[in-house]
């Protein structure tokens, strides 16, 4: 059994590139979830930065 409670799960976080959404995205990833971060076009650079911190892609 995995020690990560959300391993194998996918979470979609809208508004996830900053603020509360960014914090939620980070916590979900730390608990093992694959996180899909959805943000506004003007937040694209911020979304890419967050994705790279979470070992993902934007």
N, C-alpha and C. Protein backbone atom coordinates (compact mmCIF):
# COMPACT_ATOMS: atom_id res chain seq x y z
N UNK A 1 0.84 -1.19 0.00
CA UNK A 1 0.00 0.00 0.00
C UNK A 1 0.88 1.24 0.00
N UNK A 2 0.47 2.22 -0.76
CA UNK A 2 1.24 3.46 -0.89
C UNK A 2 1.05 4.34 0.33
N UNK A 3 2.10 5.09 0.67
CA UNK A 3 1.99 6.04 1.77
C UNK A 3 1.41 7.37 1.31
N UNK A 4 1.19 7.52 0.01
CA UNK A 4 0.59 8.74 -0.53
C UNK A 4 -0.90 8.49 -0.75
N UNK A 5 -1.77 9.17 0.01
CA UNK A 5 -3.20 8.85 -0.03
C UNK A 5 -3.88 9.10 -1.38
N UNK A 6 -3.34 9.95 -2.22
CA UNK A 6 -3.99 10.28 -3.49
C UNK A 6 -3.27 9.70 -4.70
N UNK A 7 -2.31 8.82 -4.47
CA UNK A 7 -1.57 8.24 -5.59
C UNK A 7 -2.53 7.49 -6.51
N UNK A 8 -2.38 7.72 -7.82
CA UNK A 8 -3.25 7.09 -8.80
C UNK A 8 -4.52 7.88 -9.08
N UNK A 9 -4.70 8.99 -8.39
CA UNK A 9 -5.88 9.83 -8.59
C UNK A 9 -5.51 11.06 -9.40
N UNK A 10 -6.50 11.64 -10.08
CA UNK A 10 -6.30 12.86 -10.86
C UNK A 10 -7.18 13.95 -10.27
N UNK A 11 -6.60 15.13 -10.06
CA UNK A 11 -7.35 16.28 -9.56
C UNK A 11 -7.27 17.39 -10.60
N UNK A 12 -8.41 18.01 -10.88
CA UNK A 12 -8.46 19.16 -11.78
C UNK A 12 -8.75 20.38 -10.92
N UNK A 13 -7.82 21.35 -10.95
CA UNK A 13 -7.96 22.55 -10.13
C UNK A 13 -8.13 23.75 -11.05
N UNK A 14 -9.32 24.34 -11.03
CA UNK A 14 -9.54 25.56 -11.82
C UNK A 14 -9.06 26.74 -10.99
N UNK A 15 -8.45 27.70 -11.67
CA UNK A 15 -7.86 28.83 -10.94
C UNK A 15 -6.68 28.38 -10.11
N UNK A 16 -6.03 27.32 -10.55
CA UNK A 16 -4.99 26.70 -9.76
C UNK A 16 -3.60 27.26 -9.91
N UNK A 17 -3.44 28.35 -10.63
CA UNK A 17 -2.10 28.87 -10.86
C UNK A 17 -1.65 29.88 -9.81
N UNK A 18 -2.58 30.32 -8.96
CA UNK A 18 -2.17 31.29 -7.92
C UNK A 18 -3.15 31.26 -6.75
N UNK A 19 -2.76 31.93 -5.69
CA UNK A 19 -3.62 32.05 -4.52
C UNK A 19 -3.99 30.71 -3.90
N UNK A 20 -5.25 30.62 -3.48
CA UNK A 20 -5.73 29.40 -2.85
C UNK A 20 -5.63 28.21 -3.81
N UNK A 21 -5.96 28.44 -5.08
CA UNK A 21 -5.87 27.36 -6.06
C UNK A 21 -4.45 26.81 -6.20
N UNK A 22 -3.46 27.70 -6.15
CA UNK A 22 -2.07 27.27 -6.22
C UNK A 22 -1.68 26.44 -5.01
N UNK A 23 -2.14 26.85 -3.84
CA UNK A 23 -1.85 26.10 -2.62
C UNK A 23 -2.51 24.73 -2.66
N UNK A 24 -3.76 24.69 -3.13
CA UNK A 24 -4.47 23.41 -3.24
C UNK A 24 -3.76 22.50 -4.23
N UNK A 25 -3.33 23.04 -5.37
CA UNK A 25 -2.61 22.25 -6.37
C UNK A 25 -1.36 21.63 -5.77
N UNK A 26 -0.62 22.42 -5.02
CA UNK A 26 0.61 21.95 -4.39
C UNK A 26 0.32 20.84 -3.38
N UNK A 27 -0.67 21.03 -2.53
CA UNK A 27 -1.00 20.03 -1.51
C UNK A 27 -1.47 18.72 -2.15
N UNK A 28 -2.29 18.82 -3.18
CA UNK A 28 -2.75 17.61 -3.87
C UNK A 28 -1.58 16.84 -4.48
N UNK A 29 -0.65 17.56 -5.11
CA UNK A 29 0.52 16.91 -5.70
C UNK A 29 1.40 16.27 -4.62
N UNK A 30 1.56 16.95 -3.50
CA UNK A 30 2.36 16.39 -2.41
C UNK A 30 1.74 15.11 -1.85
N UNK A 31 0.41 14.99 -1.94
CA UNK A 31 -0.28 13.78 -1.48
C UNK A 31 -0.35 12.71 -2.56
N UNK A 32 0.30 12.94 -3.70
CA UNK A 32 0.44 11.91 -4.72
C UNK A 32 -0.48 12.02 -5.92
N UNK A 33 -1.37 13.00 -5.94
CA UNK A 33 -2.29 13.13 -7.07
C UNK A 33 -1.58 13.68 -8.30
N UNK A 34 -2.08 13.31 -9.46
CA UNK A 34 -1.70 13.97 -10.70
C UNK A 34 -2.62 15.17 -10.82
N UNK A 35 -2.06 16.35 -10.92
CA UNK A 35 -2.86 17.58 -10.87
C UNK A 35 -2.90 18.25 -12.23
N UNK A 36 -4.12 18.52 -12.70
CA UNK A 36 -4.34 19.31 -13.91
C UNK A 36 -4.71 20.71 -13.46
N UNK A 37 -3.84 21.66 -13.73
CA UNK A 37 -4.06 23.04 -13.31
C UNK A 37 -4.64 23.83 -14.48
N UNK A 38 -5.77 24.46 -14.26
CA UNK A 38 -6.44 25.25 -15.29
C UNK A 38 -6.43 26.70 -14.85
N UNK A 39 -5.94 27.58 -15.74
CA UNK A 39 -5.89 29.00 -15.41
C UNK A 39 -6.23 29.84 -16.62
N UNK A 40 -6.30 31.12 -16.40
CA UNK A 40 -6.59 32.06 -17.48
C UNK A 40 -5.37 32.20 -18.39
N UNK A 41 -5.60 32.57 -19.66
CA UNK A 41 -4.47 32.74 -20.59
C UNK A 41 -3.39 33.69 -20.07
N UNK A 42 -3.79 34.74 -19.37
CA UNK A 42 -2.79 35.69 -18.87
C UNK A 42 -1.97 35.11 -17.71
N UNK A 43 -2.37 33.97 -17.17
CA UNK A 43 -1.63 33.30 -16.11
C UNK A 43 -0.77 32.16 -16.63
N UNK A 44 -0.58 32.08 -17.94
CA UNK A 44 0.12 30.94 -18.55
C UNK A 44 1.53 30.77 -17.98
N UNK A 45 2.28 31.84 -17.85
CA UNK A 45 3.65 31.73 -17.33
C UNK A 45 3.63 31.23 -15.89
N UNK A 46 2.71 31.71 -15.10
CA UNK A 46 2.59 31.29 -13.71
C UNK A 46 2.20 29.81 -13.63
N UNK A 47 1.29 29.39 -14.52
CA UNK A 47 0.86 27.99 -14.56
C UNK A 47 2.03 27.09 -14.94
N UNK A 48 2.84 27.50 -15.90
CA UNK A 48 4.00 26.71 -16.30
C UNK A 48 5.02 26.60 -15.17
N UNK A 49 5.21 27.69 -14.43
CA UNK A 49 6.13 27.66 -13.29
C UNK A 49 5.64 26.69 -12.23
N UNK A 50 4.36 26.74 -11.92
CA UNK A 50 3.78 25.83 -10.93
C UNK A 50 3.91 24.38 -11.40
N UNK A 51 3.62 24.13 -12.66
CA UNK A 51 3.72 22.77 -13.20
C UNK A 51 5.14 22.23 -13.08
N UNK A 52 6.12 23.04 -13.35
CA UNK A 52 7.51 22.57 -13.25
C UNK A 52 7.89 22.30 -11.80
N UNK A 53 7.36 23.09 -10.87
CA UNK A 53 7.62 22.83 -9.44
C UNK A 53 6.97 21.53 -8.99
N UNK A 54 5.86 21.17 -9.63
CA UNK A 54 5.14 19.95 -9.26
C UNK A 54 5.58 18.76 -10.11
N UNK A 55 6.70 18.91 -10.83
CA UNK A 55 7.24 17.87 -11.71
C UNK A 55 6.24 17.48 -12.80
N UNK A 56 5.58 18.48 -13.35
CA UNK A 56 4.59 18.23 -14.39
C UNK A 56 4.88 19.02 -15.63
N UNK A 57 3.85 19.18 -16.43
CA UNK A 57 3.97 19.94 -17.67
C UNK A 57 2.74 20.82 -17.82
N UNK A 58 2.91 21.92 -18.54
CA UNK A 58 1.78 22.83 -18.77
C UNK A 58 1.50 22.91 -20.24
